[in-house]
Amino acid sequence: LEREVRELRQANEILKKASAYFAQAELDRPFRK
């Protein structure tokens, strides 16, 4: 159980970093429509 919790926290951190990175990429990219 302890190990599972740690792995979940790690995955959560990775997801947060990835979503933050993609949000920043979206903001940096000029809109083309």
PDB file of N, CA and C in Angstrom:
ATOM      1  N   LEU A   1       0.848  -1.201   0.000  1.00  0.00           N
ATOM      2  CA  LEU A   1       0.000   0.000   0.000  1.00  0.00           C
ATOM      3  C   LEU A   1       0.884   1.252   0.000  1.00  0.00           C
ATOM      4  N   GLU A   2       1.877   1.261   0.872  1.00  0.00           N
ATOM      5  CA  GLU A   2       2.767   2.427   0.957  1.00  0.00           C
ATOM      6  C   GLU A   2       3.393   2.744  -0.400  1.00  0.00           C
ATOM      7  N   ARG A   3       3.847   1.689  -1.077  1.00  0.00           N
ATOM      8  CA  ARG A   3       4.507   1.891  -2.364  1.00  0.00           C
ATOM      9  C   ARG A   3       3.523   2.429  -3.394  1.00  0.00           C
ATOM     10  N   GLU A   4       2.295   1.906  -3.364  1.00  0.00           N
ATOM     11  CA  GLU A   4       1.291   2.371  -4.325  1.00  0.00           C
ATOM     12  C   GLU A   4       1.018   3.860  -4.152  1.00  0.00           C
ATOM     13  N   VAL A   5       0.908   4.289  -2.910  1.00  0.00           N
ATOM     14  CA  VAL A   5       0.648   5.711  -2.641  1.00  0.00           C
ATOM     15  C   VAL A   5       1.780   6.561  -3.201  1.00  0.00           C
ATOM     16  N   ARG A   6       3.000   6.114  -2.969  1.00  0.00           N
ATOM     17  CA  ARG A   6       4.156   6.876  -3.455  1.00  0.00           C
ATOM     18  C   ARG A   6       4.142   6.950  -4.980  1.00  0.00           C
ATOM     19  N   GLU A   7       3.830   5.838  -5.635  1.00  0.00           N
ATOM     20  CA  GLU A   7       3.782   5.832  -7.100  1.00  0.00           C
ATOM     21  C   GLU A   7       2.682   6.753  -7.610  1.00  0.00           C
ATOM     22  N   LEU A   8       1.542   6.748  -6.911  1.00  0.00           N
ATOM     23  CA  LEU A   8       0.442   7.629  -7.311  1.00  0.00           C
ATOM     24  C   LEU A   8       0.851   9.089  -7.198  1.00  0.00           C
ATOM     25  N   ARG A   9       1.524   9.433  -6.102  1.00  0.00           N
ATOM     26  CA  ARG A   9       1.966  10.823  -5.926  1.00  0.00           C
ATOM     27  C   ARG A   9       2.930  11.209  -7.037  1.00  0.00           C
ATOM     28  N   GLN A  10       3.832  10.295  -7.388  1.00  0.00           N
ATOM     29  CA  GLN A  10       4.806  10.572  -8.436  1.00  0.00           C
ATOM     30  C   GLN A  10       4.096  10.803  -9.763  1.00  0.00           C
ATOM     31  N   ALA A  11       3.143   9.942 -10.088  1.00  0.00           N
ATOM     32  CA  ALA A  11       2.396  10.085 -11.338  1.00  0.00           C
ATOM     33  C   ALA A  11       1.636  11.404 -11.336  1.00  0.00           C
ATOM     34  N   ASN A  12       1.087  11.780 -10.200  1.00  0.00           N
ATOM     35  CA  ASN A  12       0.350  13.027 -10.083  1.00  0.00           C
ATOM     36  C   ASN A  12       1.263  14.214 -10.365  1.00  0.00           C
ATOM     37  N   GLU A  13       2.476  14.188  -9.811  1.00  0.00           N
ATOM     38  CA  GLU A  13       3.437  15.269 -10.049  1.00  0.00           C
ATOM     39  C   GLU A  13       3.765  15.368 -11.533  1.00  0.00           C
ATOM     40  N   ILE A  14       3.988  14.220 -12.172  1.00  0.00           N
ATOM     41  CA  ILE A  14       4.311  14.206 -13.599  1.00  0.00           C
ATOM     42  C   ILE A  14       3.156  14.795 -14.398  1.00  0.00           C
ATOM     43  N   LEU A  15       1.926  14.410 -14.041  1.00  0.00           N
ATOM     44  CA  LEU A  15       0.758  14.946 -14.743  1.00  0.00           C
ATOM     45  C   LEU A  15       0.667  16.452 -14.577  1.00  0.00           C
ATOM     46  N   LYS A  16       0.915  16.933 -13.364  1.00  0.00           N
ATOM     47  CA  LYS A  16       0.843  18.378 -13.111  1.00  0.00           C
ATOM     48  C   LYS A  16       1.875  19.112 -13.955  1.00  0.00           C
ATOM     49  N   LYS A  17       3.109  18.583 -13.997  1.00  0.00           N
ATOM     50  CA  LYS A  17       4.155  19.233 -14.781  1.00  0.00           C
ATOM     51  C   LYS A  17       3.798  19.220 -16.257  1.00  0.00           C
ATOM     52  N   ALA A  18       3.278  18.080 -16.737  1.00  0.00           N
ATOM     53  CA  ALA A  18       2.930  17.968 -18.154  1.00  0.00           C
ATOM     54  C   ALA A  18       1.821  18.953 -18.513  1.00  0.00           C
ATOM     55  N   SER A  19       0.784  19.025 -17.683  1.00  0.00           N
ATOM     56  CA  SER A  19      -0.330  19.929 -17.992  1.00  0.00           C
ATOM     57  C   SER A  19       0.138  21.376 -17.934  1.00  0.00           C
ATOM     58  N   ALA A  20       1.003  21.708 -16.977  1.00  0.00           N
ATOM     59  CA  ALA A  20       1.528  23.071 -16.895  1.00  0.00           C
ATOM     60  C   ALA A  20       2.344  23.381 -18.147  1.00  0.00           C
ATOM     61  N   TYR A  21       3.157  22.415 -18.599  1.00  0.00           N
ATOM     62  CA  TYR A  21       3.977  22.622 -19.790  1.00  0.00           C
ATOM     63  C   TYR A  21       3.095  22.852 -21.015  1.00  0.00           C
ATOM     64  N   PHE A  22       2.065  22.033 -21.180  1.00  0.00           N
ATOM     65  CA  PHE A  22       1.191  22.187 -22.344  1.00  0.00           C
ATOM     66  C   PHE A  22       0.416  23.493 -22.287  1.00  0.00           C
ATOM     67  N   ALA A  23      -0.015  23.899 -21.095  1.00  0.00           N
ATOM     68  CA  ALA A  23      -0.721  25.170 -20.956  1.00  0.00           C
ATOM     69  C   ALA A  23       0.203  26.308 -21.375  1.00  0.00           C
ATOM     70  N   GLN A  24       1.457  26.254 -20.944  1.00  0.00           N
ATOM     71  CA  GLN A  24       2.416  27.297 -21.306  1.00  0.00           C
ATOM     72  C   GLN A  24       2.651  27.295 -22.814  1.00  0.00           C
ATOM     73  N   ALA A  25       2.762  26.115 -23.416  1.00  0.00           N
ATOM     74  CA  ALA A  25       2.977  26.020 -24.859  1.00  0.00           C
ATOM     75  C   ALA A  25       1.795  26.636 -25.606  1.00  0.00           C
ATOM     76  N   GLU A  26       0.585  26.377 -25.129  1.00  0.00           N
ATOM     77  CA  GLU A  26      -0.606  26.957 -25.761  1.00  0.00           C
ATOM     78  C   GLU A  26      -0.559  28.478 -25.684  1.00  0.00           C
ATOM     79  N   LEU A  27      -0.143  29.014 -24.539  1.00  0.00           N
ATOM     80  CA  LEU A  27      -0.091  30.469 -24.375  1.00  0.00           C
ATOM     81  C   LEU A  27       0.996  31.067 -25.264  1.00  0.00           C
ATOM     82  N   ASP A  28       2.131  30.379 -25.375  1.00  0.00           N
ATOM     83  CA  ASP A  28       3.239  30.921 -26.159  1.00  0.00           C
ATOM     84  C   ASP A  28       2.932  30.927 -27.649  1.00  0.00           C
ATOM     85  N   ARG A  29       2.134  29.972 -28.096  1.00  0.00           N
ATOM     86  CA  ARG A  29       1.861  29.857 -29.527  1.00  0.00           C
ATOM     87  C   ARG A  29       0.857  30.923 -29.959  1.00  0.00           C
ATOM     88  N   PRO A  30       1.178  31.679 -31.005  1.00  0.00           N
ATOM     89  CA  PRO A  30       0.204  32.672 -31.504  1.00  0.00           C
ATOM     90  C   PRO A  30      -1.010  31.978 -32.107  1.00  0.00           C
ATOM     91  N   PHE A  31      -2.176  32.571 -31.898  1.00  0.00           N
ATOM     92  CA  PHE A  31      -3.404  31.958 -32.403  1.00  0.00           C
ATOM     93  C   PHE A  31      -3.496  32.097 -33.920  1.00  0.00           C
ATOM     94  N   ARG A  32      -3.863  30.988 -34.577  1.00  0.00           N
ATOM     95  CA  ARG A  32      -4.141  31.051 -36.015  1.00  0.00           C
ATOM     96  C   ARG A  32      -5.480  30.391 -36.248  1.00  0.00           C
ATOM     97  N   LYS A  33      -6.465  31.185 -36.714  1.00  0.00           N
ATOM     98  CA  LYS A  33      -7.791  30.593 -36.959  1.00  0.00           C
ATOM     99  C   LYS A  33      -8.295  31.037 -38.315  1.00  0.00           C
TER     100      LYS A  33
END
